[in-house]
Amino acid sequence: MDKLKVTADLWWAKLAEENAFGADELGIEADVVVTYQLVEGLSLDIVGAYLFAGDAVSADGKNDNNPYEFGTRLSLAF
């Protein structure tokens, strides 16, 4: 298990000024990254992110969707 690492981030974002709909809250994003070292210098990351969207994210100022993302990444260090 020494080759496995799990990290998490929590972000909050707000616009500097209100948009045309009077909203400024972008929301809270939660990220989780699981990293596994395949061999020395080569790692595989599995990434997941979810945005608890605020009012300023949607075009009309209504919070209808919470976007999410999943992905993988190979990292080579030498």
N, C-alpha and C. Protein backbone atom coordinates (compact mmCIF):
# COMPACT_ATOMS: atom_id res chain seq x y z
N MET A 1 0.81 -1.21 0.00
CA MET A 1 0.00 0.00 0.00
C MET A 1 0.85 1.27 0.00
N ASP A 2 2.17 1.13 0.07
CA ASP A 2 3.01 2.33 0.06
C ASP A 2 3.06 2.98 -1.32
N LYS A 3 2.55 2.31 -2.36
CA LYS A 3 2.50 2.89 -3.70
C LYS A 3 1.18 3.61 -3.97
N LEU A 4 0.26 3.56 -3.03
CA LEU A 4 -1.07 4.15 -3.19
C LEU A 4 -1.19 5.40 -2.32
N LYS A 5 -1.70 6.48 -2.93
CA LYS A 5 -1.89 7.74 -2.20
C LYS A 5 -3.26 8.31 -2.58
N VAL A 6 -3.99 8.79 -1.57
CA VAL A 6 -5.30 9.40 -1.79
C VAL A 6 -5.25 10.83 -1.25
N THR A 7 -5.65 11.79 -2.08
CA THR A 7 -5.72 13.18 -1.64
C THR A 7 -7.09 13.75 -1.97
N ALA A 8 -7.48 14.76 -1.22
CA ALA A 8 -8.78 15.41 -1.43
C ALA A 8 -8.62 16.92 -1.26
N ASP A 9 -9.40 17.66 -2.02
CA ASP A 9 -9.42 19.12 -1.95
C ASP A 9 -10.86 19.58 -1.85
N LEU A 10 -11.04 20.70 -1.19
CA LEU A 10 -12.35 21.34 -1.11
C LEU A 10 -12.14 22.82 -1.41
N TRP A 11 -12.85 23.34 -2.43
CA TRP A 11 -12.69 24.72 -2.88
C TRP A 11 -14.01 25.45 -2.81
N TRP A 12 -13.97 26.72 -2.48
CA TRP A 12 -15.14 27.60 -2.51
C TRP A 12 -14.79 28.77 -3.39
N ALA A 13 -15.70 29.14 -4.29
CA ALA A 13 -15.41 30.23 -5.23
C ALA A 13 -16.60 31.18 -5.33
N LYS A 14 -16.27 32.46 -5.48
CA LYS A 14 -17.26 33.52 -5.59
C LYS A 14 -16.74 34.55 -6.58
N LEU A 15 -17.62 35.13 -7.39
CA LEU A 15 -17.23 36.20 -8.31
C LEU A 15 -16.90 37.46 -7.53
N ALA A 16 -16.02 38.29 -8.08
CA ALA A 16 -15.67 39.55 -7.44
C ALA A 16 -16.86 40.52 -7.46
N GLU A 17 -17.68 40.43 -8.51
CA GLU A 17 -18.87 41.28 -8.64
C GLU A 17 -20.05 40.41 -9.06
N GLU A 18 -21.24 40.86 -8.79
CA GLU A 18 -22.44 40.12 -9.20
C GLU A 18 -22.56 40.13 -10.72
N ASN A 19 -23.09 39.04 -11.28
CA ASN A 19 -23.31 38.98 -12.73
C ASN A 19 -24.61 39.70 -13.09
N ALA A 20 -25.03 39.57 -14.34
CA ALA A 20 -26.24 40.26 -14.82
C ALA A 20 -27.51 39.81 -14.10
N PHE A 21 -27.49 38.63 -13.50
CA PHE A 21 -28.66 38.11 -12.80
C PHE A 21 -28.60 38.39 -11.30
N GLY A 22 -27.59 39.14 -10.85
CA GLY A 22 -27.46 39.49 -9.44
C GLY A 22 -26.89 38.38 -8.59
N ALA A 23 -26.24 37.40 -9.20
CA ALA A 23 -25.65 36.27 -8.48
C ALA A 23 -24.13 36.38 -8.48
N ASP A 24 -23.50 35.91 -7.41
CA ASP A 24 -22.05 35.93 -7.36
C ASP A 24 -21.45 34.62 -6.82
N GLU A 25 -22.27 33.68 -6.42
CA GLU A 25 -21.81 32.42 -5.82
C GLU A 25 -21.52 31.38 -6.91
N LEU A 26 -20.24 30.98 -7.05
CA LEU A 26 -19.90 29.92 -8.01
C LEU A 26 -20.13 28.54 -7.42
N GLY A 27 -19.87 28.38 -6.13
CA GLY A 27 -20.16 27.12 -5.48
C GLY A 27 -18.96 26.52 -4.76
N ILE A 28 -19.14 25.26 -4.37
CA ILE A 28 -18.12 24.50 -3.65
C ILE A 28 -17.76 23.29 -4.50
N GLU A 29 -16.46 23.10 -4.73
CA GLU A 29 -15.98 21.96 -5.52
C GLU A 29 -15.23 21.00 -4.62
N ALA A 30 -15.54 19.72 -4.73
CA ALA A 30 -14.84 18.67 -4.00
C ALA A 30 -14.08 17.81 -5.00
N ASP A 31 -12.79 17.61 -4.77
CA ASP A 31 -11.94 16.82 -5.66
C ASP A 31 -11.30 15.68 -4.87
N VAL A 32 -11.21 14.51 -5.50
CA VAL A 32 -10.51 13.36 -4.93
C VAL A 32 -9.57 12.81 -5.99
N VAL A 33 -8.32 12.57 -5.60
CA VAL A 33 -7.32 12.01 -6.52
C VAL A 33 -6.72 10.77 -5.87
N VAL A 34 -6.78 9.66 -6.58
CA VAL A 34 -6.15 8.41 -6.14
C VAL A 34 -4.95 8.19 -7.05
N THR A 35 -3.75 8.11 -6.47
CA THR A 35 -2.52 7.95 -7.23
C THR A 35 -1.89 6.61 -6.90
N TYR A 36 -1.52 5.88 -7.95
CA TYR A 36 -0.83 4.61 -7.77
C TYR A 36 0.47 4.65 -8.56
N GLN A 37 1.58 4.35 -7.88
CA GLN A 37 2.88 4.35 -8.53
C GLN A 37 3.08 3.00 -9.22
N LEU A 38 3.03 3.01 -10.56
CA LEU A 38 3.18 1.78 -11.33
C LEU A 38 4.61 1.24 -11.24
N VAL A 39 5.55 2.09 -11.56
CA VAL A 39 6.98 1.83 -11.39
C VAL A 39 7.62 3.14 -10.97
N GLU A 40 8.88 3.11 -10.60
CA GLU A 40 9.54 4.35 -10.17
C GLU A 40 9.51 5.37 -11.31
N GLY A 41 8.91 6.53 -11.04
CA GLY A 41 8.82 7.60 -12.02
C GLY A 41 7.57 7.58 -12.87
N LEU A 42 6.73 6.55 -12.76
CA LEU A 42 5.51 6.46 -13.56
C LEU A 42 4.32 6.20 -12.63
N SER A 43 3.38 7.14 -12.63
CA SER A 43 2.21 7.05 -11.74
C SER A 43 0.93 7.17 -12.53
N LEU A 44 -0.11 6.52 -12.04
CA LEU A 44 -1.45 6.60 -12.62
C LEU A 44 -2.34 7.32 -11.62
N ASP A 45 -3.01 8.38 -12.07
CA ASP A 45 -3.95 9.13 -11.24
C ASP A 45 -5.36 8.88 -11.73
N ILE A 46 -6.26 8.66 -10.80
CA ILE A 46 -7.69 8.62 -11.09
C ILE A 46 -8.29 9.81 -10.36
N VAL A 47 -8.96 10.69 -11.11
CA VAL A 47 -9.42 11.97 -10.58
C VAL A 47 -10.95 12.05 -10.67
N GLY A 48 -11.56 12.52 -9.60
CA GLY A 48 -12.99 12.79 -9.60
C GLY A 48 -13.26 14.16 -9.00
N ALA A 49 -14.13 14.92 -9.61
CA ALA A 49 -14.47 16.26 -9.12
C ALA A 49 -15.97 16.48 -9.23
N TYR A 50 -16.53 17.16 -8.24
CA TYR A 50 -17.97 17.45 -8.22
C TYR A 50 -18.16 18.88 -7.75
N LEU A 51 -18.97 19.65 -8.48
CA LEU A 51 -19.23 21.04 -8.13
C LEU A 51 -20.66 21.17 -7.60
N PHE A 52 -20.77 21.58 -6.36
CA PHE A 52 -22.07 21.95 -5.79
C PHE A 52 -22.30 23.40 -6.24
N ALA A 53 -22.92 23.54 -7.40
CA ALA A 53 -22.98 24.81 -8.11
C ALA A 53 -23.79 25.86 -7.38
N GLY A 54 -23.26 27.07 -7.41
CA GLY A 54 -23.97 28.22 -6.88
C GLY A 54 -24.83 28.87 -7.95
N ASP A 55 -25.49 29.95 -7.60
CA ASP A 55 -26.41 30.62 -8.52
C ASP A 55 -25.72 31.23 -9.74
N ALA A 56 -24.46 31.60 -9.64
CA ALA A 56 -23.79 32.27 -10.75
C ALA A 56 -23.29 31.31 -11.83
N VAL A 57 -23.44 30.01 -11.63
CA VAL A 57 -22.92 29.04 -12.60
C VAL A 57 -23.83 28.91 -13.81
N SER A 58 -25.13 28.87 -13.62
CA SER A 58 -26.04 28.69 -14.75
C SER A 58 -26.29 30.03 -15.46
N ALA A 59 -26.70 29.94 -16.71
CA ALA A 59 -26.87 31.14 -17.53
C ALA A 59 -27.98 32.06 -17.03
N ASP A 60 -29.03 31.51 -16.45
CA ASP A 60 -30.16 32.34 -16.03
C ASP A 60 -30.20 32.59 -14.52
N GLY A 61 -29.13 32.20 -13.81
CA GLY A 61 -29.09 32.45 -12.38
C GLY A 61 -29.79 31.39 -11.54
N LYS A 62 -30.32 30.35 -12.17
CA LYS A 62 -30.95 29.25 -11.44
C LYS A 62 -29.99 28.08 -11.37
N ASN A 63 -29.96 27.41 -10.25
CA ASN A 63 -29.06 26.28 -10.04
C ASN A 63 -29.78 25.00 -10.43
N ASP A 64 -29.62 24.56 -11.69
CA ASP A 64 -30.29 23.36 -12.17
C ASP A 64 -29.37 22.14 -12.21
N ASN A 65 -28.10 22.34 -12.45
CA ASN A 65 -27.17 21.22 -12.60
C ASN A 65 -25.93 21.40 -11.76
N ASN A 66 -25.42 20.29 -11.26
CA ASN A 66 -24.14 20.27 -10.56
C ASN A 66 -23.17 19.48 -11.43
N PRO A 67 -22.22 20.15 -12.10
CA PRO A 67 -21.30 19.46 -12.99
C PRO A 67 -20.32 18.57 -12.23
N TYR A 68 -19.89 17.50 -12.89
CA TYR A 68 -18.90 16.60 -12.32
C TYR A 68 -17.95 16.16 -13.42
N GLU A 69 -16.81 15.60 -12.99
CA GLU A 69 -15.81 15.16 -13.94
C GLU A 69 -15.06 13.98 -13.36
N PHE A 70 -14.76 13.00 -14.21
CA PHE A 70 -13.91 11.87 -13.85
C PHE A 70 -12.86 11.73 -14.94
N GLY A 71 -11.65 11.34 -14.56
CA GLY A 71 -10.61 11.18 -15.55
C GLY A 71 -9.43 10.41 -15.01
N THR A 72 -8.51 10.10 -15.91
CA THR A 72 -7.26 9.43 -15.54
C THR A 72 -6.11 10.21 -16.14
N ARG A 73 -4.94 10.01 -15.54
CA ARG A 73 -3.75 10.71 -16.01
C ARG A 73 -2.52 9.84 -15.72
N LEU A 74 -1.63 9.73 -16.67
CA LEU A 74 -0.35 9.08 -16.46
C LEU A 74 0.70 10.17 -16.28
N SER A 75 1.50 10.06 -15.23
CA SER A 75 2.54 11.07 -14.97
C SER A 75 3.91 10.40 -15.02
N LEU A 76 4.78 10.95 -15.81
CA LEU A 76 6.15 10.44 -15.95
C LEU A 76 7.12 11.47 -15.41
N ALA A 77 7.95 11.05 -14.48
CA ALA A 77 8.97 11.93 -13.91
C ALA A 77 10.35 11.31 -14.16
N PHE A 78 11.27 12.13 -14.65
CA PHE A 78 12.63 11.63 -14.90
C PHE A 78 13.64 12.71 -14.62
